[in-house]
């Protein structure tokens, strides 16, 4: 399907739609950009829910540290050290390598974090981290509405000022796969056993307990934004707004796995509620993740997207691609840990690795460059 033998792999969707999307992405790469959305949820402090930092205290710094690594790189002094991980290294390293190689612009936005990154970034005024999803009162509804509007304005301005340009959107939200599963459950999509996570084995049972508590305490809201306010996180409405703002006129890459699948589902529900056609959005929006997520035995992104299509009665299958990046031959153990399932995705790594392939950078070469970057870290 794709010209490069080690190029992106089709996870879900129609092959012709995928090929057309890839052509659009290549054409729009010259003026493209990467938007990293930083956010936080107190769900990350629940014992056994996340490995995006070895302790709940260290996870408070994850978003700031990843944002700084993405902007400053591995060789520069960074105000916040990367939180210790059970194994591996932050996927922000992969994203930085791709952005440097392709000279893509990068923008960071703080949608509500505990620790602010010490690099230039946009801040959505008045936005704070989410409470634990189990409370059923994760975010004020007004903040959710404000985040959606901010993202929609960004997408609208982007598509007008950069017609046809590729916009890749990544996230860093410790605990975000659990809020993703909660949003999907609230939309009627049973994905609690299909959603990935930062732990080597996703905590499906613990998630089910938290989600059941949160939905029960919130009264099972039927409106999408009220659902986000009940059990979501700040990244979700902002990125959903970006999709709606781009309005199907520019290729959008949702650089991530399960979390971006939940965001796509949220955007489809919001579009329908306002009478906006979803077919153009589906044709121009792709979820792009790593092969480590796509092949993970403890989750199933393809089946998750199939259930989203079925439950929401979408006119076509959501498009999802996976990078063929492989670290098995890398010298650094922290990179080889990816192959053992200790790190899988984050900070847009999978999506940006796909962009690199589309630009002609082979996966073996990208792995070698990541290995070199580890020597600087």
Protein backbone atom coordinates (compact mmCIF):
# COMPACT_ATOMS: atom_id res chain seq x y z
CA UNK A 1 0.00 0.00 0.00
CA UNK A 2 2.82 2.39 0.79
CA UNK A 3 5.99 2.95 -1.24
CA UNK A 4 8.41 2.38 1.62
CA UNK A 5 8.87 -1.27 2.65
CA UNK A 6 9.23 -0.20 6.30
CA UNK A 7 6.54 2.49 6.09
CA UNK A 8 3.31 2.84 8.09
CA UNK A 9 1.13 -0.19 8.68
CA UNK A 10 -2.64 -0.03 8.29
CA UNK A 11 -4.29 -0.80 11.65
CA UNK A 12 -7.86 0.14 10.79
CA UNK A 13 -9.79 1.68 7.92
CA UNK A 14 -9.91 1.48 4.14
CA UNK A 15 -6.62 1.06 2.26
CA UNK A 16 -7.57 3.60 -0.42
CA UNK A 17 -8.54 6.19 2.19
CA UNK A 18 -5.24 5.52 3.96
CA UNK A 19 -3.22 5.97 0.76
CA UNK A 20 -5.04 9.23 -0.02
CA UNK A 21 -4.46 10.50 3.51
CA UNK A 22 -0.75 9.69 3.27
CA UNK A 23 -0.52 11.57 -0.03
CA UNK A 24 -2.17 14.60 1.58
CA UNK A 25 0.18 14.37 4.55
CA UNK A 26 3.26 14.27 2.30
CA UNK A 27 2.05 17.27 0.33
CA UNK A 28 1.27 19.19 3.50
CA UNK A 29 4.46 18.36 5.33
CA UNK A 30 6.48 21.38 4.15
CA UNK A 31 4.42 23.81 6.20
CA UNK A 32 3.33 21.27 8.79
CA UNK A 33 3.66 21.48 12.56
CA UNK A 34 3.40 19.42 15.71
CA UNK A 35 1.14 20.53 18.56
CA UNK A 36 1.86 18.96 21.94
CA UNK A 37 -0.97 19.23 24.45
CA UNK A 38 0.08 18.91 28.10
CA UNK A 39 -2.51 18.11 30.75
CA UNK A 40 -2.90 16.29 34.05
CA UNK A 41 -5.46 14.26 35.96
CA UNK A 42 -5.35 13.19 39.59
CA UNK A 43 -6.25 9.74 38.29
CA UNK A 44 -2.50 9.31 37.77
CA UNK A 45 -1.99 9.34 41.55
CA UNK A 46 -4.04 6.14 42.02
CA UNK A 47 -1.69 3.31 42.96
CA UNK A 48 -1.23 0.83 40.11
CA UNK A 49 -2.80 2.98 37.39
CA UNK A 50 0.22 4.46 35.56
CA UNK A 51 3.91 3.94 34.85
CA UNK A 52 4.49 7.43 33.42
CA UNK A 53 6.82 8.00 36.36
CA UNK A 54 7.64 5.47 39.08
CA UNK A 55 5.70 7.25 41.85
CA UNK A 56 2.62 9.50 42.05
CA UNK A 57 4.88 12.40 43.06
CA UNK A 58 7.17 11.92 40.05
CA UNK A 59 4.18 11.78 37.71
CA UNK A 60 3.36 15.37 38.68
CA UNK A 61 6.46 16.39 36.67
CA UNK A 62 5.97 14.12 33.63
CA UNK A 63 4.26 16.65 31.36
CA UNK A 64 6.71 19.46 32.13
CA UNK A 65 9.76 17.23 31.67
CA UNK A 66 8.51 15.78 28.39
CA UNK A 67 7.64 19.21 27.04
CA UNK A 68 11.11 20.48 27.88
CA UNK A 69 12.80 17.48 26.27
CA UNK A 70 10.73 17.97 23.13
CA UNK A 71 11.75 21.63 22.82
CA UNK A 72 15.28 21.69 24.27
CA UNK A 73 16.53 18.26 23.24
CA UNK A 74 18.60 15.67 25.10
CA UNK A 75 21.93 17.57 25.15
CA UNK A 76 20.65 20.83 26.67
CA UNK A 77 20.18 21.50 30.38
CA UNK A 78 16.51 21.07 31.30
CA UNK A 79 14.90 22.53 34.43
CA UNK A 80 12.88 19.40 35.21
CA UNK A 81 14.54 16.00 35.07
CA UNK A 82 12.68 13.17 33.37
CA UNK A 83 10.77 11.19 36.01
CA UNK A 84 12.30 7.79 36.74
CA UNK A 85 10.50 4.99 34.88
CA UNK A 86 10.27 1.30 35.76
CA UNK A 87 12.22 0.76 32.52
CA UNK A 88 12.90 2.52 29.24
CA UNK A 89 13.05 6.21 28.40
CA UNK A 90 10.47 8.86 27.57
CA UNK A 91 9.04 8.66 24.03
CA UNK A 92 9.60 12.43 23.88
CA UNK A 93 13.10 11.46 22.74
CA UNK A 94 11.69 9.86 19.56
CA UNK A 95 9.53 12.89 18.87
CA UNK A 96 12.44 15.29 19.30
CA UNK A 97 14.59 13.28 16.87
CA UNK A 98 11.87 13.34 14.20
CA UNK A 99 11.16 17.06 14.60
CA UNK A 100 14.86 17.87 14.36
CA UNK A 101 15.39 15.70 11.30
CA UNK A 102 12.36 17.04 9.42
CA UNK A 103 12.69 20.60 10.75
CA UNK A 104 9.04 20.61 11.68
CA UNK A 105 7.70 23.46 13.80
CA UNK A 106 6.61 22.50 17.29
CA UNK A 107 4.13 24.19 19.58
CA UNK A 108 3.37 23.34 23.19
CA UNK A 109 0.11 24.17 24.96
CA UNK A 110 -0.65 23.85 28.66
CA UNK A 111 -4.25 22.70 28.98
CA UNK A 112 -3.98 22.23 32.74
CA UNK A 113 -0.87 20.76 34.40
CA UNK A 114 0.46 20.64 37.95
CA UNK A 115 4.01 21.69 37.02
CA UNK A 116 4.43 24.23 34.21
CA UNK A 117 7.15 23.50 31.61
CA UNK A 118 10.04 25.98 31.55
CA UNK A 119 9.88 26.47 27.77
CA UNK A 120 7.83 28.76 25.57
CA UNK A 121 4.25 27.55 25.44
CA UNK A 122 0.66 28.67 25.15
CA UNK A 123 -1.56 28.46 28.21
CA UNK A 124 -5.31 28.08 28.08
CA UNK A 125 -6.39 30.71 30.66
CA UNK A 126 -8.01 29.44 33.83
CA UNK A 127 -7.47 25.76 33.07
CA UNK A 128 -6.40 23.41 35.83
CA UNK A 129 -5.66 19.68 36.12
CA UNK A 130 -8.58 17.30 36.40
CA UNK A 131 -9.66 15.59 39.59
CA UNK A 132 -9.63 11.79 39.65
CA UNK A 133 -12.21 10.34 37.28
CA UNK A 134 -13.64 8.25 40.12
CA UNK A 135 -15.07 11.41 41.72
CA UNK A 136 -17.49 11.92 38.82
CA UNK A 137 -16.52 15.60 38.96
CA UNK A 138 -13.24 15.70 37.09
CA UNK A 139 -13.55 19.18 35.56
CA UNK A 140 -15.86 22.20 35.73
CA UNK A 141 -18.18 22.18 32.72
CA UNK A 142 -17.22 25.78 31.92
CA UNK A 143 -13.55 24.76 31.66
CA UNK A 144 -14.44 21.90 29.31
CA UNK A 145 -16.37 24.32 27.09
CA UNK A 146 -13.47 26.77 27.15
CA UNK A 147 -10.96 24.07 26.17
CA UNK A 148 -13.17 22.97 23.29
CA UNK A 149 -13.46 26.55 22.06
CA UNK A 150 -9.69 27.11 22.35
CA UNK A 151 -8.99 23.99 20.30
CA UNK A 152 -11.61 24.84 17.71
CA UNK A 153 -10.24 28.35 17.30
CA UNK A 154 -6.73 26.94 16.92
CA UNK A 155 -7.85 24.46 14.27
CA UNK A 156 -9.83 27.07 12.35
CA UNK A 157 -6.96 29.57 12.30
CA UNK A 158 -4.45 26.84 11.42
CA UNK A 159 -6.44 25.60 8.43
CA UNK A 160 -6.99 29.15 7.16
CA UNK A 161 -3.38 30.29 7.56
CA UNK A 162 -1.82 27.01 6.39
CA UNK A 163 -4.20 25.56 3.79
CA UNK A 164 -3.51 21.88 3.24
CA UNK A 165 -0.66 21.79 5.78
CA UNK A 166 -0.27 18.72 7.98
CA UNK A 167 -1.10 19.21 11.66
CA UNK A 168 0.13 16.47 13.99
CA UNK A 169 -1.26 16.60 17.52
CA UNK A 170 0.28 14.71 20.43
CA UNK A 171 -0.38 14.56 24.14
CA UNK A 172 1.23 14.01 27.49
CA UNK A 173 -1.32 13.14 30.16
CA UNK A 174 -0.26 10.72 32.89
CA UNK A 175 -3.34 8.63 33.65
CA UNK A 176 -4.86 9.62 30.32
CA UNK A 177 -5.56 6.11 29.06
CA UNK A 178 -7.89 5.60 32.03
CA UNK A 179 -9.83 8.80 31.30
CA UNK A 180 -9.93 7.69 27.65
CA UNK A 181 -11.52 4.39 28.66
CA UNK A 182 -13.99 6.32 30.83
CA UNK A 183 -15.05 8.61 27.97
CA UNK A 184 -15.53 5.64 25.66
CA UNK A 185 -17.55 3.78 28.27
CA UNK A 186 -19.73 6.85 28.76
CA UNK A 187 -20.32 7.00 25.00
CA UNK A 188 -21.47 3.39 25.04
CA UNK A 189 -18.25 1.89 23.71
CA UNK A 190 -17.04 -1.04 25.79
CA UNK A 191 -13.32 -0.49 25.56
CA UNK A 192 -12.11 -1.09 29.11
CA UNK A 193 -10.34 -4.30 28.10
CA UNK A 194 -9.05 -2.88 24.81
CA UNK A 195 -7.41 0.39 25.88
CA UNK A 196 -3.63 0.42 26.20
CA UNK A 197 -1.60 2.13 28.94
CA UNK A 198 1.85 2.98 30.22
CA UNK A 199 2.07 -0.13 32.40
CA UNK A 200 3.46 -3.26 30.80
CA UNK A 201 0.10 -4.93 31.51
CA UNK A 202 -2.78 -2.41 31.27
CA UNK A 203 -4.71 -2.21 34.59
CA UNK A 204 -8.09 -3.20 33.15
CA UNK A 205 -9.72 -4.32 36.43
CA UNK A 206 -8.67 -1.21 38.35
CA UNK A 207 -9.87 1.01 35.49
CA UNK A 208 -13.27 -0.68 35.48
CA UNK A 209 -13.65 0.05 39.19
CA UNK A 210 -12.70 3.72 38.83
CA UNK A 211 -14.92 4.19 35.78
CA UNK A 212 -17.91 2.54 37.46
CA UNK A 213 -17.50 4.83 40.47
CA UNK A 214 -17.10 7.96 38.35
CA UNK A 215 -20.08 7.29 36.08
CA UNK A 216 -22.31 6.32 38.99
CA UNK A 217 -21.41 9.42 41.00
CA UNK A 218 -21.96 11.67 37.98
CA UNK A 219 -25.33 10.17 37.12
CA UNK A 220 -24.18 8.76 33.76
CA UNK A 221 -24.37 12.04 31.81
CA UNK A 222 -25.63 11.65 28.24
CA UNK A 223 -24.28 14.95 26.83
CA UNK A 224 -20.70 14.65 25.56
CA UNK A 225 -19.24 17.73 27.27
CA UNK A 226 -20.92 16.84 30.56
CA UNK A 227 -19.35 13.39 30.24
CA UNK A 228 -15.89 14.96 29.86
CA UNK A 229 -16.59 17.15 32.89
CA UNK A 230 -17.49 14.04 34.85
CA UNK A 231 -14.71 11.58 34.00
CA UNK A 232 -12.39 13.18 31.42
CA UNK A 233 -9.20 15.22 31.30
CA UNK A 234 -8.32 18.64 29.80
CA UNK A 235 -6.58 17.29 26.71
CA UNK A 236 -9.67 15.59 25.35
CA UNK A 237 -11.96 18.59 24.63
CA UNK A 238 -9.06 20.70 23.36
CA UNK A 239 -7.94 18.15 20.75
CA UNK A 240 -11.54 17.35 19.82
CA UNK A 241 -11.92 21.06 19.17
CA UNK A 242 -8.86 21.07 16.92
CA UNK A 243 -10.44 18.32 14.78
CA UNK A 244 -13.70 20.26 14.52
CA UNK A 245 -11.89 23.52 13.76
CA UNK A 246 -9.86 22.02 10.93
CA UNK A 247 -13.24 20.95 9.51
CA UNK A 248 -11.91 18.35 7.11
CA UNK A 249 -9.90 20.80 5.00
CA UNK A 250 -6.42 19.92 6.31
CA UNK A 251 -4.85 16.54 7.13
CA UNK A 252 -4.81 15.98 10.88
CA UNK A 253 -2.71 13.29 12.54
CA UNK A 254 -3.80 12.30 16.03
CA UNK A 255 -0.40 11.15 17.21
CA UNK A 256 -1.18 8.59 19.85
CA UNK A 257 -3.09 5.39 20.51
CA UNK A 258 -6.09 4.71 22.73
CA UNK A 259 -6.30 8.26 24.02
CA UNK A 260 -6.57 9.65 20.50
CA UNK A 261 -9.17 7.02 19.59
CA UNK A 262 -11.30 8.35 22.45
CA UNK A 263 -10.73 11.94 21.30
CA UNK A 264 -11.79 11.03 17.77
CA UNK A 265 -14.97 9.42 19.10
CA UNK A 266 -15.67 12.52 21.19
CA UNK A 267 -15.18 14.78 18.17
CA UNK A 268 -17.58 12.69 16.08
CA UNK A 269 -20.30 12.94 18.74
CA UNK A 270 -19.80 16.70 19.09
CA UNK A 271 -19.86 17.19 15.31
CA UNK A 272 -23.12 15.30 14.98
CA UNK A 273 -24.68 17.26 17.85
CA UNK A 274 -24.07 20.52 15.99
CA UNK A 275 -25.02 19.21 12.57
CA UNK A 276 -21.45 19.13 11.24
CA UNK A 277 -20.77 16.39 8.67
CA UNK A 278 -18.50 13.67 10.04
CA UNK A 279 -17.49 12.06 6.72
CA UNK A 280 -15.01 14.84 5.76
CA UNK A 281 -13.51 14.68 9.26
CA UNK A 282 -13.01 10.93 8.98
CA UNK A 283 -11.36 11.25 5.56
CA UNK A 284 -8.80 13.82 6.71
CA UNK A 285 -8.10 12.60 10.26
CA UNK A 286 -5.89 9.63 11.10
CA UNK A 287 -4.82 8.08 14.38
CA UNK A 288 -1.10 7.36 14.22
CA UNK A 289 0.58 5.20 16.84
CA UNK A 290 3.54 2.90 17.39
CA UNK A 291 3.82 -0.73 16.47
CA UNK A 292 4.31 -1.41 20.18
CA UNK A 293 0.73 -0.29 20.79
CA UNK A 294 -0.67 -1.91 17.65
CA UNK A 295 0.88 -5.29 18.53
CA UNK A 296 0.32 -5.15 22.29
CA UNK A 297 -1.30 -8.35 23.57
CA UNK A 298 -3.00 -6.54 26.48
CA UNK A 299 -4.97 -4.11 24.30
CA UNK A 300 -6.56 -3.98 20.84
CA UNK A 301 -6.66 -0.64 19.04
CA UNK A 302 -8.20 -2.06 15.85
CA UNK A 303 -11.10 -3.68 17.70
CA UNK A 304 -11.54 -0.53 19.77
CA UNK A 305 -11.95 1.55 16.60
CA UNK A 306 -14.34 -1.02 15.14
CA UNK A 307 -16.51 -0.73 18.24
CA UNK A 308 -16.40 3.07 18.00
CA UNK A 309 -17.60 2.89 14.39
CA UNK A 310 -20.38 0.46 15.28
CA UNK A 311 -21.61 2.30 18.38
CA UNK A 312 -21.52 5.75 16.80
CA UNK A 313 -22.77 4.44 13.42
CA UNK A 314 -20.02 6.24 11.55
CA UNK A 315 -20.24 6.27 7.73
CA UNK A 316 -16.73 4.85 7.37
CA UNK A 317 -14.10 3.17 9.50
CA UNK A 318 -11.82 5.50 11.49
CA UNK A 319 -8.35 5.48 9.94
CA UNK A 320 -5.45 4.28 12.07
CA UNK A 321 -1.81 3.70 11.12
CA UNK A 322 1.14 2.29 13.04
CA UNK A 323 4.83 3.01 12.72
CA UNK A 324 7.24 0.19 11.88
CA UNK A 325 9.92 1.67 14.20
CA UNK A 326 11.87 -1.12 15.91
CA UNK A 327 14.49 -0.78 18.65
CA UNK A 328 15.57 -4.43 18.90
CA UNK A 329 19.00 -3.69 17.37
CA UNK A 330 19.70 -0.57 19.44
CA UNK A 331 22.70 -0.57 21.77
CA UNK A 332 20.96 1.27 24.62
CA UNK A 333 18.93 -1.00 26.94
CA UNK A 334 16.43 1.82 27.58
CA UNK A 335 15.43 1.70 23.91
CA UNK A 336 15.33 -2.09 23.77
CA UNK A 337 12.90 -1.92 26.69
CA UNK A 338 10.31 -0.72 24.18
CA UNK A 339 10.45 -4.13 22.53
CA UNK A 340 9.68 -5.76 25.89
CA UNK A 341 6.56 -3.62 26.39
CA UNK A 342 7.85 -1.33 29.14
CA UNK A 343 7.27 1.82 27.04
CA UNK A 344 4.87 1.99 24.10
CA UNK A 345 3.75 5.49 23.14
CA UNK A 346 3.42 9.12 24.21
CA UNK A 347 4.29 12.71 23.27
CA UNK A 348 3.25 11.97 19.69
CA UNK A 349 6.07 9.46 19.13
CA UNK A 350 4.20 6.97 16.97
CA UNK A 351 2.54 9.56 14.80
CA UNK A 352 5.77 11.47 14.27
CA UNK A 353 7.61 8.25 13.40
CA UNK A 354 4.95 7.75 10.69
CA UNK A 355 5.57 11.30 9.44
CA UNK A 356 9.28 10.49 9.30
CA UNK A 357 8.57 7.43 7.14
CA UNK A 358 6.34 9.44 4.82
CA UNK A 359 9.15 11.98 4.47
CA UNK A 360 11.58 9.23 3.39
CA UNK A 361 13.36 8.59 6.71
CA UNK A 362 13.54 4.83 7.13
CA UNK A 363 12.70 3.17 10.42
CA UNK A 364 16.20 1.64 10.81
CA UNK A 365 17.74 5.09 10.30
CA UNK A 366 15.32 6.63 12.81
CA UNK A 367 16.21 3.94 15.34
CA UNK A 368 19.91 4.71 14.82
CA UNK A 369 19.29 8.43 15.37
CA UNK A 370 17.37 7.68 18.56
CA UNK A 371 20.29 5.58 19.74
CA UNK A 372 22.63 8.52 19.10
CA UNK A 373 20.28 10.85 20.99
CA UNK A 374 20.36 8.49 23.98
CA UNK A 375 24.11 9.05 24.17
CA UNK A 376 23.41 12.77 24.69
CA UNK A 377 20.65 12.29 27.26
